[in-house]
Amino acid sequence: LDQNQFSLDFQPIVDLRSGRVVKAETLL
């Protein structure tokens, strides 16, 4: 953590009716 070895990826969460990205799940 002190050496900045971590980062975040984001996976889109989609509204199945509109197909638009409305949320993002954070992945370490």
mmCIF file of all heavy atoms, coordinates in Angstrom:
data_MODEL
# 
_entry.id   MODEL 
# 
loop_
_atom_site.group_PDB 
_atom_site.id 
_atom_site.type_symbol 
_atom_site.label_atom_id 
_atom_site.label_alt_id 
_atom_site.label_comp_id 
_atom_site.label_asym_id 
_atom_site.label_entity_id 
_atom_site.label_seq_id 
_atom_site.pdbx_PDB_ins_code 
_atom_site.Cartn_x 
_atom_site.Cartn_y 
_atom_site.Cartn_z 
_atom_site.occupancy 
_atom_site.B_iso_or_equiv 
_atom_site.pdbx_formal_charge 
_atom_site.auth_seq_id 
_atom_site.auth_comp_id 
_atom_site.auth_asym_id 
_atom_site.auth_atom_id 
_atom_site.pdbx_PDB_model_num 
ATOM 1   N N   . LEU A 1 1  ? 0.824   -1.208 0.000   1.00 0.00 ? 1  LEU A N   1 
ATOM 2   C CA  . LEU A 1 1  ? 0.000   0.000  0.000   1.00 0.00 ? 1  LEU A CA  1 
ATOM 3   C C   . LEU A 1 1  ? 0.859   1.259  0.000   1.00 0.00 ? 1  LEU A C   1 
ATOM 4   O O   . LEU A 1 1  ? 0.612   2.205  -0.756  1.00 0.00 ? 1  LEU A O   1 
ATOM 5   C CB  . LEU A 1 1  ? -0.945  -0.020 1.204   1.00 0.00 ? 1  LEU A CB  1 
ATOM 6   C CG  . LEU A 1 1  ? -2.061  1.031  1.219   1.00 0.00 ? 1  LEU A CG  1 
ATOM 7   C CD1 . LEU A 1 1  ? -2.934  0.889  -0.014  1.00 0.00 ? 1  LEU A CD1 1 
ATOM 8   C CD2 . LEU A 1 1  ? -2.903  0.892  2.484   1.00 0.00 ? 1  LEU A CD2 1 
ATOM 9   N N   . ASP A 1 2  ? 1.912   1.259  0.848   1.00 0.00 ? 2  ASP A N   1 
ATOM 10  C CA  . ASP A 1 2  ? 2.791   2.429  0.912   1.00 0.00 ? 2  ASP A CA  1 
ATOM 11  C C   . ASP A 1 2  ? 3.579   2.615  -0.382  1.00 0.00 ? 2  ASP A C   1 
ATOM 12  O O   . ASP A 1 2  ? 3.967   3.734  -0.723  1.00 0.00 ? 2  ASP A O   1 
ATOM 13  C CB  . ASP A 1 2  ? 3.759   2.300  2.093   1.00 0.00 ? 2  ASP A CB  1 
ATOM 14  C CG  . ASP A 1 2  ? 3.047   2.418  3.428   1.00 0.00 ? 2  ASP A CG  1 
ATOM 15  O OD1 . ASP A 1 2  ? 1.966   3.032  3.461   1.00 0.00 ? 2  ASP A OD1 1 
ATOM 16  O OD2 . ASP A 1 2  ? 3.564   1.880  4.432   1.00 0.00 ? 2  ASP A OD2 1 
ATOM 17  N N   . GLN A 1 3  ? 3.820   1.526  -1.103  1.00 0.00 ? 3  GLN A N   1 
ATOM 18  C CA  . GLN A 1 3  ? 4.609   1.595  -2.329  1.00 0.00 ? 3  GLN A CA  1 
ATOM 19  C C   . GLN A 1 3  ? 3.740   1.700  -3.584  1.00 0.00 ? 3  GLN A C   1 
ATOM 20  O O   . GLN A 1 3  ? 4.215   1.480  -4.702  1.00 0.00 ? 3  GLN A O   1 
ATOM 21  C CB  . GLN A 1 3  ? 5.530   0.368  -2.417  1.00 0.00 ? 3  GLN A CB  1 
ATOM 22  C CG  . GLN A 1 3  ? 6.568   0.326  -1.303  1.00 0.00 ? 3  GLN A CG  1 
ATOM 23  C CD  . GLN A 1 3  ? 7.486   -0.887 -1.392  1.00 0.00 ? 3  GLN A CD  1 
ATOM 24  O OE1 . GLN A 1 3  ? 7.335   -1.733 -2.274  1.00 0.00 ? 3  GLN A OE1 1 
ATOM 25  N NE2 . GLN A 1 3  ? 8.447   -0.973 -0.473  1.00 0.00 ? 3  GLN A NE2 1 
ATOM 26  N N   . ASN A 1 4  ? 2.445   2.008  -3.395  1.00 0.00 ? 4  ASN A N   1 
ATOM 27  C CA  . ASN A 1 4  ? 1.517   2.260  -4.510  1.00 0.00 ? 4  ASN A CA  1 
ATOM 28  C C   . ASN A 1 4  ? 1.462   1.103  -5.508  1.00 0.00 ? 4  ASN A C   1 
ATOM 29  O O   . ASN A 1 4  ? 1.463   1.305  -6.731  1.00 0.00 ? 4  ASN A O   1 
ATOM 30  C CB  . ASN A 1 4  ? 1.898   3.560  -5.247  1.00 0.00 ? 4  ASN A CB  1 
ATOM 31  C CG  . ASN A 1 4  ? 1.848   4.771  -4.335  1.00 0.00 ? 4  ASN A CG  1 
ATOM 32  O OD1 . ASN A 1 4  ? 0.907   4.928  -3.559  1.00 0.00 ? 4  ASN A OD1 1 
ATOM 33  N ND2 . ASN A 1 4  ? 2.862   5.624  -4.417  1.00 0.00 ? 4  ASN A ND2 1 
ATOM 34  N N   . GLN A 1 5  ? 1.416   -0.112 -4.968  1.00 0.00 ? 5  GLN A N   1 
ATOM 35  C CA  . GLN A 1 5  ? 1.356   -1.284 -5.833  1.00 0.00 ? 5  GLN A CA  1 
ATOM 36  C C   . GLN A 1 5  ? -0.082  -1.684 -6.172  1.00 0.00 ? 5  GLN A C   1 
ATOM 37  O O   . GLN A 1 5  ? -0.294  -2.611 -6.955  1.00 0.00 ? 5  GLN A O   1 
ATOM 38  C CB  . GLN A 1 5  ? 2.089   -2.457 -5.173  1.00 0.00 ? 5  GLN A CB  1 
ATOM 39  C CG  . GLN A 1 5  ? 3.577   -2.236 -4.991  1.00 0.00 ? 5  GLN A CG  1 
ATOM 40  C CD  . GLN A 1 5  ? 4.255   -3.368 -4.235  1.00 0.00 ? 5  GLN A CD  1 
ATOM 41  O OE1 . GLN A 1 5  ? 3.675   -4.431 -4.040  1.00 0.00 ? 5  GLN A OE1 1 
ATOM 42  N NE2 . GLN A 1 5  ? 5.497   -3.132 -3.797  1.00 0.00 ? 5  GLN A NE2 1 
ATOM 43  N N   . PHE A 1 6  ? -1.068  -1.003 -5.595  1.00 0.00 ? 6  PHE A N   1 
ATOM 44  C CA  . PHE A 1 6  ? -2.466  -1.349 -5.848  1.00 0.00 ? 6  PHE A CA  1 
ATOM 45  C C   . PHE A 1 6  ? -3.078  -0.382 -6.871  1.00 0.00 ? 6  PHE A C   1 
ATOM 46  O O   . PHE A 1 6  ? -2.698  0.794  -6.964  1.00 0.00 ? 6  PHE A O   1 
ATOM 47  C CB  . PHE A 1 6  ? -3.288  -1.291 -4.557  1.00 0.00 ? 6  PHE A CB  1 
ATOM 48  C CG  . PHE A 1 6  ? -2.945  -2.381 -3.575  1.00 0.00 ? 6  PHE A CG  1 
ATOM 49  C CD1 . PHE A 1 6  ? -2.244  -2.091 -2.417  1.00 0.00 ? 6  PHE A CD1 1 
ATOM 50  C CD2 . PHE A 1 6  ? -3.317  -3.698 -3.815  1.00 0.00 ? 6  PHE A CD2 1 
ATOM 51  C CE1 . PHE A 1 6  ? -1.926  -3.087 -1.512  1.00 0.00 ? 6  PHE A CE1 1 
ATOM 52  C CE2 . PHE A 1 6  ? -3.005  -4.696 -2.922  1.00 0.00 ? 6  PHE A CE2 1 
ATOM 53  C CZ  . PHE A 1 6  ? -2.312  -4.396 -1.773  1.00 0.00 ? 6  PHE A CZ  1 
ATOM 54  N N   . SER A 1 7  ? -4.042  -0.913 -7.608  1.00 0.00 ? 7  SER A N   1 
ATOM 55  C CA  . SER A 1 7  ? -4.828  -0.093 -8.525  1.00 0.00 ? 7  SER A CA  1 
ATOM 56  C C   . SER A 1 7  ? -6.252  -0.636 -8.556  1.00 0.00 ? 7  SER A C   1 
ATOM 57  O O   . SER A 1 7  ? -6.525  -1.717 -8.015  1.00 0.00 ? 7  SER A O   1 
ATOM 58  C CB  . SER A 1 7  ? -4.222  -0.111 -9.931  1.00 0.00 ? 7  SER A CB  1 
ATOM 59  O OG  . SER A 1 7  ? -4.373  -1.407 -10.512 1.00 0.00 ? 7  SER A OG  1 
ATOM 60  N N   . LEU A 1 8  ? -7.143  0.116  -9.192  1.00 0.00 ? 8  LEU A N   1 
ATOM 61  C CA  . LEU A 1 8  ? -8.543  -0.298 -9.298  1.00 0.00 ? 8  LEU A CA  1 
ATOM 62  C C   . LEU A 1 8  ? -8.927  -0.500 -10.752 1.00 0.00 ? 8  LEU A C   1 
ATOM 63  O O   . LEU A 1 8  ? -8.566  0.308  -11.625 1.00 0.00 ? 8  LEU A O   1 
ATOM 64  C CB  . LEU A 1 8  ? -9.470  0.750  -8.668  1.00 0.00 ? 8  LEU A CB  1 
ATOM 65  C CG  . LEU A 1 8  ? -9.340  0.988  -7.158  1.00 0.00 ? 8  LEU A CG  1 
ATOM 66  C CD1 . LEU A 1 8  ? -10.367 2.029  -6.715  1.00 0.00 ? 8  LEU A CD1 1 
ATOM 67  C CD2 . LEU A 1 8  ? -9.516  -0.297 -6.377  1.00 0.00 ? 8  LEU A CD2 1 
ATOM 68  N N   . ASP A 1 9  ? -9.637  -1.582 -11.008 1.00 0.00 ? 9  ASP A N   1 
ATOM 69  C CA  . ASP A 1 9  ? -10.325 -1.773 -12.280 1.00 0.00 ? 9  ASP A CA  1 
ATOM 70  C C   . ASP A 1 9  ? -11.818 -1.591 -12.039 1.00 0.00 ? 9  ASP A C   1 
ATOM 71  O O   . ASP A 1 9  ? -12.300 -1.749 -10.901 1.00 0.00 ? 9  ASP A O   1 
ATOM 72  C CB  . ASP A 1 9  ? -10.062 -3.178 -12.841 1.00 0.00 ? 9  ASP A CB  1 
ATOM 73  C CG  . ASP A 1 9  ? -8.720  -3.270 -13.562 1.00 0.00 ? 9  ASP A CG  1 
ATOM 74  O OD1 . ASP A 1 9  ? -8.033  -2.226 -13.660 1.00 0.00 ? 9  ASP A OD1 1 
ATOM 75  O OD2 . ASP A 1 9  ? -8.352  -4.378 -13.992 1.00 0.00 ? 9  ASP A OD2 1 
ATOM 76  N N   . PHE A 1 10 ? -12.533 -1.275 -13.096 1.00 0.00 ? 10 PHE A N   1 
ATOM 77  C CA  . PHE A 1 10 ? -13.967 -1.046 -12.993 1.00 0.00 ? 10 PHE A CA  1 
ATOM 78  C C   . PHE A 1 10 ? -14.685 -1.895 -14.043 1.00 0.00 ? 10 PHE A C   1 
ATOM 79  O O   . PHE A 1 10 ? -14.302 -1.887 -15.224 1.00 0.00 ? 10 PHE A O   1 
ATOM 80  C CB  . PHE A 1 10 ? -14.303 0.435  -13.206 1.00 0.00 ? 10 PHE A CB  1 
ATOM 81  C CG  . PHE A 1 10 ? -13.684 1.353  -12.189 1.00 0.00 ? 10 PHE A CG  1 
ATOM 82  C CD1 . PHE A 1 10 ? -12.403 1.860  -12.375 1.00 0.00 ? 10 PHE A CD1 1 
ATOM 83  C CD2 . PHE A 1 10 ? -14.364 1.703  -11.036 1.00 0.00 ? 10 PHE A CD2 1 
ATOM 84  C CE1 . PHE A 1 10 ? -11.822 2.701  -11.441 1.00 0.00 ? 10 PHE A CE1 1 
ATOM 85  C CE2 . PHE A 1 10 ? -13.791 2.548  -10.099 1.00 0.00 ? 10 PHE A CE2 1 
ATOM 86  C CZ  . PHE A 1 10 ? -12.522 3.042  -10.298 1.00 0.00 ? 10 PHE A CZ  1 
ATOM 87  N N   . GLN A 1 11 ? -15.697 -2.641 -13.600 1.00 0.00 ? 11 GLN A N   1 
ATOM 88  C CA  . GLN A 1 11 ? -16.513 -3.394 -14.554 1.00 0.00 ? 11 GLN A CA  1 
ATOM 89  C C   . GLN A 1 11 ? -17.877 -2.724 -14.679 1.00 0.00 ? 11 GLN A C   1 
ATOM 90  O O   . GLN A 1 11 ? -18.564 -2.507 -13.676 1.00 0.00 ? 11 GLN A O   1 
ATOM 91  C CB  . GLN A 1 11 ? -16.682 -4.849 -14.119 1.00 0.00 ? 11 GLN A CB  1 
ATOM 92  C CG  . GLN A 1 11 ? -17.441 -5.667 -15.158 1.00 0.00 ? 11 GLN A CG  1 
ATOM 93  C CD  . GLN A 1 11 ? -17.410 -7.152 -14.882 1.00 0.00 ? 11 GLN A CD  1 
ATOM 94  O OE1 . GLN A 1 11 ? -17.347 -7.563 -13.719 1.00 0.00 ? 11 GLN A OE1 1 
ATOM 95  N NE2 . GLN A 1 11 ? -17.447 -7.957 -15.941 1.00 0.00 ? 11 GLN A NE2 1 
ATOM 96  N N   . PRO A 1 12 ? -18.299 -2.438 -15.923 1.00 0.00 ? 12 PRO A N   1 
ATOM 97  C CA  . PRO A 1 12 ? -19.580 -1.750 -16.112 1.00 0.00 ? 12 PRO A CA  1 
ATOM 98  C C   . PRO A 1 12 ? -20.758 -2.612 -15.670 1.00 0.00 ? 12 PRO A C   1 
ATOM 99  O O   . PRO A 1 12 ? -20.765 -3.832 -15.840 1.00 0.00 ? 12 PRO A O   1 
ATOM 100 C CB  . PRO A 1 12 ? -19.627 -1.510 -17.623 1.00 0.00 ? 12 PRO A CB  1 
ATOM 101 C CG  . PRO A 1 12 ? -18.215 -1.628 -18.090 1.00 0.00 ? 12 PRO A CG  1 
ATOM 102 C CD  . PRO A 1 12 ? -17.567 -2.626 -17.182 1.00 0.00 ? 12 PRO A CD  1 
ATOM 103 N N   . ILE A 1 13 ? -21.746 -1.982 -15.086 1.00 0.00 ? 13 ILE A N   1 
ATOM 104 C CA  . ILE A 1 13 ? -23.042 -2.597 -14.781 1.00 0.00 ? 13 ILE A CA  1 
ATOM 105 C C   . ILE A 1 13 ? -24.070 -1.876 -15.646 1.00 0.00 ? 13 ILE A C   1 
ATOM 106 O O   . ILE A 1 13 ? -24.198 -0.643 -15.592 1.00 0.00 ? 13 ILE A O   1 
ATOM 107 C CB  . ILE A 1 13 ? -23.386 -2.474 -13.284 1.00 0.00 ? 13 ILE A CB  1 
ATOM 108 C CG1 . ILE A 1 13 ? -22.336 -3.213 -12.434 1.00 0.00 ? 13 ILE A CG1 1 
ATOM 109 C CG2 . ILE A 1 13 ? -24.776 -3.042 -13.007 1.00 0.00 ? 13 ILE A CG2 1 
ATOM 110 C CD1 . ILE A 1 13 ? -22.537 -3.078 -10.943 1.00 0.00 ? 13 ILE A CD1 1 
ATOM 111 N N   . VAL A 1 14 ? -24.769 -2.656 -16.453 1.00 0.00 ? 14 VAL A N   1 
ATOM 112 C CA  . VAL A 1 14 ? -25.585 -2.109 -17.537 1.00 0.00 ? 14 VAL A CA  1 
ATOM 113 C C   . VAL A 1 14 ? -27.068 -2.214 -17.197 1.00 0.00 ? 14 VAL A C   1 
ATOM 114 O O   . VAL A 1 14 ? -27.513 -3.234 -16.647 1.00 0.00 ? 14 VAL A O   1 
ATOM 115 C CB  . VAL A 1 14 ? -25.275 -2.867 -18.845 1.00 0.00 ? 14 VAL A CB  1 
ATOM 116 C CG1 . VAL A 1 14 ? -26.149 -2.354 -19.994 1.00 0.00 ? 14 VAL A CG1 1 
ATOM 117 C CG2 . VAL A 1 14 ? -23.800 -2.732 -19.192 1.00 0.00 ? 14 VAL A CG2 1 
ATOM 118 N N   . ASP A 1 15 ? -27.802 -1.191 -17.540 1.00 0.00 ? 15 ASP A N   1 
ATOM 119 C CA  . ASP A 1 15 ? -29.266 -1.237 -17.469 1.00 0.00 ? 15 ASP A CA  1 
ATOM 120 C C   . ASP A 1 15 ? -29.742 -2.093 -18.639 1.00 0.00 ? 15 ASP A C   1 
ATOM 121 O O   . ASP A 1 15 ? -29.545 -1.739 -19.813 1.00 0.00 ? 15 ASP A O   1 
ATOM 122 C CB  . ASP A 1 15 ? -29.825 0.187  -17.576 1.00 0.00 ? 15 ASP A CB  1 
ATOM 123 C CG  . ASP A 1 15 ? -31.340 0.232  -17.392 1.00 0.00 ? 15 ASP A CG  1 
ATOM 124 O OD1 . ASP A 1 15 ? -32.025 -0.773 -17.686 1.00 0.00 ? 15 ASP A OD1 1 
ATOM 125 O OD2 . ASP A 1 15 ? -31.839 1.289  -16.954 1.00 0.00 ? 15 ASP A OD2 1 
ATOM 126 N N   . LEU A 1 16 ? -30.352 -3.250 -18.351 1.00 0.00 ? 16 LEU A N   1 
ATOM 127 C CA  . LEU A 1 16 ? -30.715 -4.186 -19.418 1.00 0.00 ? 16 LEU A CA  1 
ATOM 128 C C   . LEU A 1 16 ? -31.827 -3.651 -20.314 1.00 0.00 ? 16 LEU A C   1 
ATOM 129 O O   . LEU A 1 16 ? -32.012 -4.162 -21.437 1.00 0.00 ? 16 LEU A O   1 
ATOM 130 C CB  . LEU A 1 16 ? -31.138 -5.529 -18.805 1.00 0.00 ? 16 LEU A CB  1 
ATOM 131 C CG  . LEU A 1 16 ? -30.059 -6.300 -18.042 1.00 0.00 ? 16 LEU A CG  1 
ATOM 132 C CD1 . LEU A 1 16 ? -30.574 -7.682 -17.646 1.00 0.00 ? 16 LEU A CD1 1 
ATOM 133 C CD2 . LEU A 1 16 ? -28.777 -6.415 -18.840 1.00 0.00 ? 16 LEU A CD2 1 
ATOM 134 N N   . ARG A 1 17 ? -32.553 -2.648 -19.887 1.00 0.00 ? 17 ARG A N   1 
ATOM 135 C CA  . ARG A 1 17 ? -33.606 -2.098 -20.728 1.00 0.00 ? 17 ARG A CA  1 
ATOM 136 C C   . ARG A 1 17 ? -33.061 -1.074 -21.719 1.00 0.00 ? 17 ARG A C   1 
ATOM 137 O O   . ARG A 1 17 ? -33.465 -1.035 -22.884 1.00 0.00 ? 17 ARG A O   1 
ATOM 138 C CB  . ARG A 1 17 ? -34.697 -1.460 -19.864 1.00 0.00 ? 17 ARG A CB  1 
ATOM 139 C CG  . ARG A 1 17 ? -35.551 -2.493 -19.101 1.00 0.00 ? 17 ARG A CG  1 
ATOM 140 C CD  . ARG A 1 17 ? -36.614 -1.820 -18.253 1.00 0.00 ? 17 ARG A CD  1 
ATOM 141 N NE  . ARG A 1 17 ? -36.024 -1.037 -17.163 1.00 0.00 ? 17 ARG A NE  1 
ATOM 142 C CZ  . ARG A 1 17 ? -35.707 -1.553 -15.988 1.00 0.00 ? 17 ARG A CZ  1 
ATOM 143 N NH1 . ARG A 1 17 ? -35.894 -2.836 -15.741 1.00 0.00 ? 17 ARG A NH1 1 
ATOM 144 N NH2 . ARG A 1 17 ? -35.189 -0.784 -15.061 1.00 0.00 ? 17 ARG A NH2 1 
ATOM 145 N N   . SER A 1 18 ? -32.133 -0.225 -21.252 1.00 0.00 ? 18 SER A N   1 
ATOM 146 C CA  . SER A 1 18 ? -31.607 0.829  -22.131 1.00 0.00 ? 18 SER A CA  1 
ATOM 147 C C   . SER A 1 18 ? -30.252 0.490  -22.729 1.00 0.00 ? 18 SER A C   1 
ATOM 148 O O   . SER A 1 18 ? -29.843 1.088  -23.728 1.00 0.00 ? 18 SER A O   1 
ATOM 149 C CB  . SER A 1 18 ? -31.494 2.144  -21.355 1.00 0.00 ? 18 SER A CB  1 
ATOM 150 O OG  . SER A 1 18 ? -30.494 2.042  -20.350 1.00 0.00 ? 18 SER A OG  1 
ATOM 151 N N   . GLY A 1 19 ? -29.538 -0.439 -22.091 1.00 0.00 ? 19 GLY A N   1 
ATOM 152 C CA  . GLY A 1 19 ? -28.208 -0.784 -22.575 1.00 0.00 ? 19 GLY A CA  1 
ATOM 153 C C   . GLY A 1 19 ? -27.140 0.205  -22.177 1.00 0.00 ? 19 GLY A C   1 
ATOM 154 O O   . GLY A 1 19 ? -25.985 0.087  -22.594 1.00 0.00 ? 19 GLY A O   1 
ATOM 155 N N   . ARG A 1 20 ? -27.443 1.155  -21.341 1.00 0.00 ? 20 ARG A N   1 
ATOM 156 C CA  . ARG A 1 20 ? -26.470 2.171  -20.929 1.00 0.00 ? 20 ARG A CA  1 
ATOM 157 C C   . ARG A 1 20 ? -25.759 1.746  -19.641 1.00 0.00 ? 20 ARG A C   1 
ATOM 158 O O   . ARG A 1 20 ? -26.328 1.058  -18.791 1.00 0.00 ? 20 ARG A O   1 
ATOM 159 C CB  . ARG A 1 20 ? -27.162 3.517  -20.708 1.00 0.00 ? 20 ARG A CB  1 
ATOM 160 C CG  . ARG A 1 20 ? -27.820 4.093  -21.956 1.00 0.00 ? 20 ARG A CG  1 
ATOM 161 C CD  . ARG A 1 20 ? -28.283 5.500  -21.702 1.00 0.00 ? 20 ARG A CD  1 
ATOM 162 N NE  . ARG A 1 20 ? -27.167 6.406  -21.448 1.00 0.00 ? 20 ARG A NE  1 
ATOM 163 C CZ  . ARG A 1 20 ? -27.319 7.649  -20.985 1.00 0.00 ? 20 ARG A CZ  1 
ATOM 164 N NH1 . ARG A 1 20 ? -28.541 8.099  -20.693 1.00 0.00 ? 20 ARG A NH1 1 
ATOM 165 N NH2 . ARG A 1 20 ? -26.273 8.412  -20.793 1.00 0.00 ? 20 ARG A NH2 1 
ATOM 166 N N   . VAL A 1 21 ? -24.515 2.187  -19.518 1.00 0.00 ? 21 VAL A N   1 
ATOM 167 C CA  . VAL A 1 21 ? -23.724 1.925  -18.311 1.00 0.00 ? 21 VAL A CA  1 
ATOM 168 C C   . VAL A 1 21 ? -24.179 2.886  -17.226 1.00 0.00 ? 21 VAL A C   1 
ATOM 169 O O   . VAL A 1 21 ? -24.081 4.119  -17.390 1.00 0.00 ? 21 VAL A O   1 
ATOM 170 C CB  . VAL A 1 21 ? -22.215 2.093  -18.589 1.00 0.00 ? 21 VAL A CB  1 
ATOM 171 C CG1 . VAL A 1 21 ? -21.432 1.905  -17.297 1.00 0.00 ? 21 VAL A CG1 1 
ATOM 172 C CG2 . VAL A 1 21 ? -21.756 1.125  -19.653 1.00 0.00 ? 21 VAL A CG2 1 
ATOM 173 N N   . VAL A 1 22 ? -24.699 2.348  -16.129 1.00 0.00 ? 22 VAL A N   1 
ATOM 174 C CA  . VAL A 1 22 ? -25.222 3.197  -15.051 1.00 0.00 ? 22 VAL A CA  1 
ATOM 175 C C   . VAL A 1 22 ? -24.485 2.997  -13.727 1.00 0.00 ? 22 VAL A C   1 
ATOM 176 O O   . VAL A 1 22 ? -24.636 3.800  -12.810 1.00 0.00 ? 22 VAL A O   1 
ATOM 177 C CB  . VAL A 1 22 ? -26.724 2.916  -14.842 1.00 0.00 ? 22 VAL A CB  1 
ATOM 178 C CG1 . VAL A 1 22 ? -27.527 3.379  -16.052 1.00 0.00 ? 22 VAL A CG1 1 
ATOM 179 C CG2 . VAL A 1 22 ? -26.977 1.437  -14.575 1.00 0.00 ? 22 VAL A CG2 1 
ATOM 180 N N   . LYS A 1 23 ? -23.727 1.928  -13.634 1.00 0.00 ? 23 LYS A N   1 
ATOM 181 C CA  . LYS A 1 23 ? -22.991 1.636  -12.394 1.00 0.00 ? 23 LYS A CA  1 
ATOM 182 C C   . LYS A 1 23 ? -21.649 1.021  -12.764 1.00 0.00 ? 23 LYS A C   1 
ATOM 183 O O   . LYS A 1 23 ? -21.453 0.575  -13.913 1.00 0.00 ? 23 LYS A O   1 
ATOM 184 C CB  . LYS A 1 23 ? -23.758 0.663  -11.486 1.00 0.00 ? 23 LYS A CB  1 
ATOM 185 C CG  . LYS A 1 23 ? -25.201 1.037  -11.205 1.00 0.00 ? 23 LYS A CG  1 
ATOM 186 C CD  . LYS A 1 23 ? -25.876 -0.025 -10.336 1.00 0.00 ? 23 LYS A CD  1 
ATOM 187 C CE  . LYS A 1 23 ? -27.388 0.174  -10.330 1.00 0.00 ? 23 LYS A CE  1 
ATOM 188 N NZ  . LYS A 1 23 ? -27.790 1.467  -9.782  1.00 0.00 ? 23 LYS A NZ  1 
ATOM 189 N N   . ALA A 1 24 ? -20.755 0.976  -11.776 1.00 0.00 ? 24 ALA A N   1 
ATOM 190 C CA  . ALA A 1 24 ? -19.457 0.329  -11.971 1.00 0.00 ? 24 ALA A CA  1 
ATOM 191 C C   . ALA A 1 24 ? -19.073 -0.398 -10.686 1.00 0.00 ? 24 ALA A C   1 
ATOM 192 O O   . ALA A 1 24 ? -19.144 0.184  -9.598  1.00 0.00 ? 24 ALA A O   1 
ATOM 193 C CB  . ALA A 1 24 ? -18.396 1.356  -12.330 1.00 0.00 ? 24 ALA A CB  1 
ATOM 194 N N   . GLU A 1 25 ? -18.685 -1.664 -10.835 1.00 0.00 ? 25 GLU A N   1 
ATOM 195 C CA  . GLU A 1 25 ? -18.188 -2.416 -9.680  1.00 0.00 ? 25 GLU A CA  1 
ATOM 196 C C   . GLU A 1 25 ? -16.674 -2.252 -9.601  1.00 0.00 ? 25 GLU A C   1 
ATOM 197 O O   . GLU A 1 25 ? -15.953 -2.432 -10.585 1.00 0.00 ? 25 GLU A O   1 
ATOM 198 C CB  . GLU A 1 25 ? -18.537 -3.897 -9.779  1.00 0.00 ? 25 GLU A CB  1 
ATOM 199 C CG  . GLU A 1 25 ? -18.028 -4.687 -8.572  1.00 0.00 ? 25 GLU A CG  1 
ATOM 200 C CD  . GLU A 1 25 ? -18.398 -6.159 -8.589  1.00 0.00 ? 25 GLU A CD  1 
ATOM 201 O OE1 . GLU A 1 25 ? -19.079 -6.596 -9.545  1.00 0.00 ? 25 GLU A OE1 1 
ATOM 202 O OE2 . GLU A 1 25 ? -18.002 -6.880 -7.648  1.00 0.00 ? 25 GLU A OE2 1 
ATOM 203 N N   . THR A 1 26 ? -16.203 -1.935 -8.407  1.00 0.00 ? 26 THR A N   1 
ATOM 204 C CA  . THR A 1 26 ? -14.771 -1.724 -8.182  1.00 0.00 ? 26 THR A CA  1 
ATOM 205 C C   . THR A 1 26 ? -14.090 -3.053 -7.913  1.00 0.00 ? 26 THR A C   1 
ATOM 206 O O   . THR A 1 26 ? -14.541 -3.849 -7.089  1.00 0.00 ? 26 THR A O   1 
ATOM 207 C CB  . THR A 1 26 ? -14.555 -0.790 -6.974  1.00 0.00 ? 26 THR A CB  1 
ATOM 208 O OG1 . THR A 1 26 ? -15.275 0.408  -7.185  1.00 0.00 ? 26 THR A OG1 1 
ATOM 209 C CG2 . THR A 1 26 ? -13.092 -0.481 -6.786  1.00 0.00 ? 26 THR A CG2 1 
ATOM 210 N N   . LEU A 1 27 ? -12.967 -3.287 -8.600  1.00 0.00 ? 27 LEU A N   1 
ATOM 211 C CA  . LEU A 1 27 ? -12.196 -4.522 -8.434  1.00 0.00 ? 27 LEU A CA  1 
ATOM 212 C C   . LEU A 1 27 ? -10.750 -4.155 -8.135  1.00 0.00 ? 27 LEU A C   1 
ATOM 213 O O   . LEU A 1 27 ? -10.113 -3.397 -8.897  1.00 0.00 ? 27 LEU A O   1 
ATOM 214 C CB  . LEU A 1 27 ? -12.281 -5.384 -9.699  1.00 0.00 ? 27 LEU A CB  1 
ATOM 215 C CG  . LEU A 1 27 ? -13.708 -5.796 -10.105 1.00 0.00 ? 27 LEU A CG  1 
ATOM 216 C CD1 . LEU A 1 27 ? -13.708 -6.422 -11.481 1.00 0.00 ? 27 LEU A CD1 1 
ATOM 217 C CD2 . LEU A 1 27 ? -14.294 -6.747 -9.072  1.00 0.00 ? 27 LEU A CD2 1 
ATOM 218 N N   . LEU A 1 28 ? -10.212 -4.686 -7.025  1.00 0.00 ? 28 LEU A N   1 
ATOM 219 C CA  . LEU A 1 28 ? -8.861  -4.347 -6.577  1.00 0.00 ? 28 LEU A CA  1 
ATOM 220 C C   . LEU A 1 28 ? -7.824  -5.203 -7.293  1.00 0.00 ? 28 LEU A C   1 
ATOM 221 O O   . LEU A 1 28 ? -7.999  -6.421 -7.435  1.00 0.00 ? 28 LEU A O   1 
ATOM 222 C CB  . LEU A 1 28 ? -8.763  -4.553 -5.052  1.00 0.00 ? 28 LEU A CB  1 
ATOM 223 C CG  . LEU A 1 28 ? -7.431  -4.214 -4.396  1.00 0.00 ? 28 LEU A CG  1 
ATOM 224 C CD1 . LEU A 1 28 ? -7.097  -2.734 -4.551  1.00 0.00 ? 28 LEU A CD1 1 
ATOM 225 C CD2 . LEU A 1 28 ? -7.470  -4.579 -2.898  1.00 0.00 ? 28 LEU A CD2 1 
# 
